[in-house]
Structures are given as structure tokens and as C-alpha cells.
Protein backbone atom coordinates (compact mmCIF):
# COMPACT_ATOMS: atom_id res chain seq x y z
CA MET A 1 118.30 -142.70 97.29
CA ARG A 2 116.98 -139.19 96.81
CA SER A 3 114.50 -137.83 99.34
CA TYR A 4 111.29 -136.35 97.92
CA TYR A 5 110.24 -134.85 101.24
CA PRO A 6 111.01 -131.23 100.20
CA VAL A 7 109.02 -131.58 96.98
CA VAL A 8 106.05 -133.12 98.79
CA PHE A 9 106.20 -130.45 101.48
CA ILE A 10 106.22 -127.55 99.04
CA ALA A 11 103.39 -129.05 96.99
CA THR A 12 101.31 -129.64 100.11
CA TYR A 13 102.07 -126.23 101.54
CA PHE A 14 101.22 -124.54 98.24
CA CYS A 15 97.80 -126.24 98.21
CA ILE A 16 97.11 -125.23 101.81
CA PHE A 17 98.43 -121.72 101.19
CA THR A 18 96.22 -121.14 98.15
CA ASN A 19 93.18 -122.30 100.12
CA ASN A 20 94.00 -119.84 102.91
CA VAL A 21 94.60 -116.95 100.52
CA SER A 22 90.90 -116.37 100.01
CA ALA A 23 90.37 -116.11 103.78
CA ASN A 24 93.31 -113.72 104.08
CA ASN A 25 92.07 -111.61 101.17
CA ARG A 26 88.86 -110.92 103.01
CA SER A 27 90.73 -109.21 105.79
CA GLY A 28 93.01 -107.13 103.55
CA GLU A 29 95.08 -106.34 106.61
CA HIS A 30 98.31 -106.23 104.63
CA PRO A 31 98.77 -104.78 101.15
CA TRP A 32 99.90 -108.13 99.71
CA ASP A 33 96.70 -109.79 101.00
CA LYS A 34 94.34 -107.56 99.07
CA ILE A 35 92.61 -108.93 96.00
CA PHE A 36 92.91 -105.67 94.06
CA SER A 37 95.55 -102.99 94.14
CA PRO A 38 94.59 -99.38 94.81
CA TYR A 39 95.38 -98.76 91.12
CA SER A 40 92.88 -101.29 89.73
CA ASP A 41 90.18 -98.76 88.86
CA ASP A 42 92.51 -96.28 87.14
CA GLN A 43 93.15 -97.09 83.49
CA SER A 44 96.02 -94.66 82.95
CA GLU A 45 99.31 -96.11 81.76
CA LEU A 46 101.07 -95.29 85.03
CA ALA A 47 98.31 -96.89 87.09
CA LEU A 48 98.39 -100.03 84.92
CA GLU A 49 102.14 -100.29 85.48
CA LYS A 50 101.72 -99.83 89.25
CA ASP A 51 98.92 -102.40 89.26
CA HIS A 52 101.20 -104.86 87.44
CA ARG A 53 103.98 -104.26 89.99
CA TRP A 54 101.45 -104.73 92.81
CA GLU A 55 100.41 -108.11 91.41
CA ILE A 56 103.99 -109.32 91.00
CA CYS A 57 104.97 -108.11 94.47
CA SER A 58 101.97 -109.94 95.97
CA ARG A 59 103.14 -113.15 94.29
CA MET A 60 106.68 -112.52 95.47
CA THR A 61 105.56 -112.29 99.10
CA SER A 62 103.85 -115.66 98.91
CA SER A 63 106.85 -117.19 97.10
CA ALA A 64 109.22 -115.94 99.79
CA SER A 65 106.97 -117.43 102.45
CA ILE A 66 106.76 -120.78 100.66
CA ALA A 67 110.54 -120.89 100.25
CA ALA A 68 111.10 -119.99 103.91
CA GLY A 69 108.59 -122.69 104.89
CA ALA A 70 110.56 -125.31 102.96
CA ILE A 71 113.75 -124.30 104.73
CA TYR A 72 111.98 -124.19 108.11
CA ARG A 73 110.56 -127.70 107.65
CA GLN A 74 113.92 -129.06 106.52
CA LYS A 75 115.74 -127.54 109.49
CA ASN A 76 113.09 -128.59 112.03
CA ARG A 77 112.49 -132.07 110.72
CA ASP A 78 112.66 -134.84 113.29
CA PRO A 79 116.34 -135.90 113.40
CA LYS A 80 115.46 -139.59 113.14
CA PHE A 81 113.87 -138.91 109.74
CA LYS A 82 116.52 -136.54 108.40
CA THR A 83 118.81 -137.65 105.65
CA PRO A 84 122.16 -136.09 104.80
CA SER A 85 120.76 -134.91 101.47
CA ASP A 86 117.75 -133.00 102.93
CA ALA A 87 119.51 -129.62 102.99
CA ALA A 88 120.90 -130.15 99.51
CA ASP A 89 117.48 -131.21 98.23
CA VAL A 90 115.80 -128.08 99.59
CA LYS A 91 118.54 -125.87 98.16
CA GLU A 92 118.29 -127.59 94.78
CA LEU A 93 114.52 -127.28 94.82
CA LEU A 94 114.70 -123.55 95.57
CA PHE A 95 117.24 -123.11 92.80
CA ASP A 96 114.87 -124.93 90.42
CA MET A 97 111.81 -122.95 91.52
CA TYR A 98 113.58 -119.59 91.56
CA PRO A 99 116.30 -119.82 88.89
CA ILE A 100 118.95 -117.21 88.28
CA ASN A 101 120.47 -117.63 84.88
CA THR A 102 119.59 -114.80 82.51
CA GLU A 103 120.59 -111.63 84.41
CA THR A 104 117.08 -110.19 84.11
CA PHE A 105 114.89 -108.44 86.63
CA GLU A 106 113.14 -111.76 87.23
CA ASP A 107 116.51 -113.14 88.34
CA GLN A 108 116.83 -110.26 90.80
CA ILE A 109 113.42 -111.13 92.22
CA ASN A 110 114.31 -114.83 92.44
CA GLN A 111 117.59 -114.00 94.19
CA LYS A 112 115.75 -111.81 96.68
CA ILE A 113 113.21 -114.58 97.35
CA ARG A 114 116.07 -116.97 98.13
CA ASP A 115 117.88 -114.40 100.29
CA ILE A 116 114.76 -113.59 102.29
CA ALA A 117 113.90 -117.28 102.72
CA TYR A 118 117.36 -118.13 104.02
CA SER A 119 117.64 -115.08 106.27
CA HIS A 120 114.13 -115.24 107.78
CA TRP A 121 113.21 -118.95 107.83
CA GLN A 122 113.05 -118.91 111.66
CA THR A 123 110.11 -116.48 111.58
CA TRP A 124 108.05 -118.70 109.28
CA THR A 125 104.73 -119.92 110.66
CA ASP A 126 102.09 -122.15 109.11
CA VAL A 127 99.09 -120.76 110.97
CA PRO A 128 96.36 -119.33 108.71
CA TYR A 129 96.65 -115.79 110.15
CA PRO A 130 100.26 -115.36 111.21
CA THR A 131 101.03 -112.54 113.57
CA ASP A 132 104.66 -112.40 112.47
CA VAL A 133 104.76 -111.34 108.85
CA THR A 134 108.49 -110.59 108.71
CA ILE A 135 109.02 -112.66 105.57
CA GLU A 136 106.12 -111.16 103.65
CA LYS A 137 106.82 -107.63 104.85
CA THR A 138 110.50 -107.88 103.89
CA ALA A 139 109.64 -109.19 100.41
CA TRP A 140 106.89 -106.61 99.94
CA ASN A 141 108.99 -103.66 101.07
CA TRP A 142 111.83 -104.58 98.75
CA CYS A 143 109.61 -105.33 95.76
CA ILE A 144 107.27 -102.36 95.91
CA LYS A 145 110.24 -99.97 96.01
CA GLN A 146 111.69 -101.29 92.75
CA PRO A 147 111.39 -99.04 89.68
CA LEU A 148 108.42 -99.75 87.45
CA LYS A 149 110.59 -100.31 84.39
CA GLY A 150 111.87 -103.63 85.79
CA PHE A 151 108.36 -105.05 85.88
CA TRP A 152 107.65 -104.37 82.20
CA GLU A 153 109.32 -107.60 81.11
CA LEU A 154 107.47 -109.77 83.65
CA ASN A 155 104.13 -111.51 83.28
């Protein structure tokens, strides 16, 4: 029988995360926490492209954190409740949420989300104001350095 624990966890975490986003946005401590990018007021074409990248990179940071949280929960689940398929279920879920199948820039982002989640899952924390933002910072730093042209095709 297939375990639905990973799906339930991600759905629950996503709801909690979105509720905490508004509190985090008030602080604006990190660039990915801010409601508006520094380019929001400028209507030039370059500023609009940078604003679009900013928005996508902000979403990528939260996606990387959610993915790392799923891996963290799976790896730290009470052994008496673990099933042999838990790891496979989480991996399959991440592959479904962040597919790589069209060789587009979106696939590069999805691959990076997976890579960051698997390499930094131990730093994940579910407190509302985490002091360790390794996952988010890693995702942000990679994303914001990508050329603007890759973001043109993304919504």
C-alpha cells in the first residue's frame, strides 16, 4: 500500500508556509522575503525583466525550502512509522512537483530546486523565523545570478 505521508506533509507545510509568508514579508530581512522588488517602481523594460526575475527567484527559494522540508521529514520520521517506500515516495513527489522533461530554463530551475533540497535538507527548520537560511540563500544566490533572457519564457 502506498504511503500518502509525503503528500500530506507537503500540503500541510505549504499551508503553514503561506500563512507565515506575510509575517516574514513585514520584516524584509532577506531579499526573497520582500513583497516588492527594488525594480517595482521603474517601468523600463530592463526593470520589468529584473522584477520578473525577482518574483521567480522568490518563488524558487520557497520551493527549495518546501522540497528540503519534505526530505527532512522523511529522513527524520519516527522509525516505527517509516515504510520502505517513504524515500521513493518523496523522490517521486519531488519529481512530480519539479519536473524535468523539456530542456527549458524552467527545467534548470527545477533541477536546482531538487539539488539544493537534497544537499541542504539537514539545515531545514520549520520555525517561523529561521536563523539558518542556507536553503533559501543558496537558491536565491543561484537564481538571481542567472541571465535575464532565461526568465522571459517563465510565468
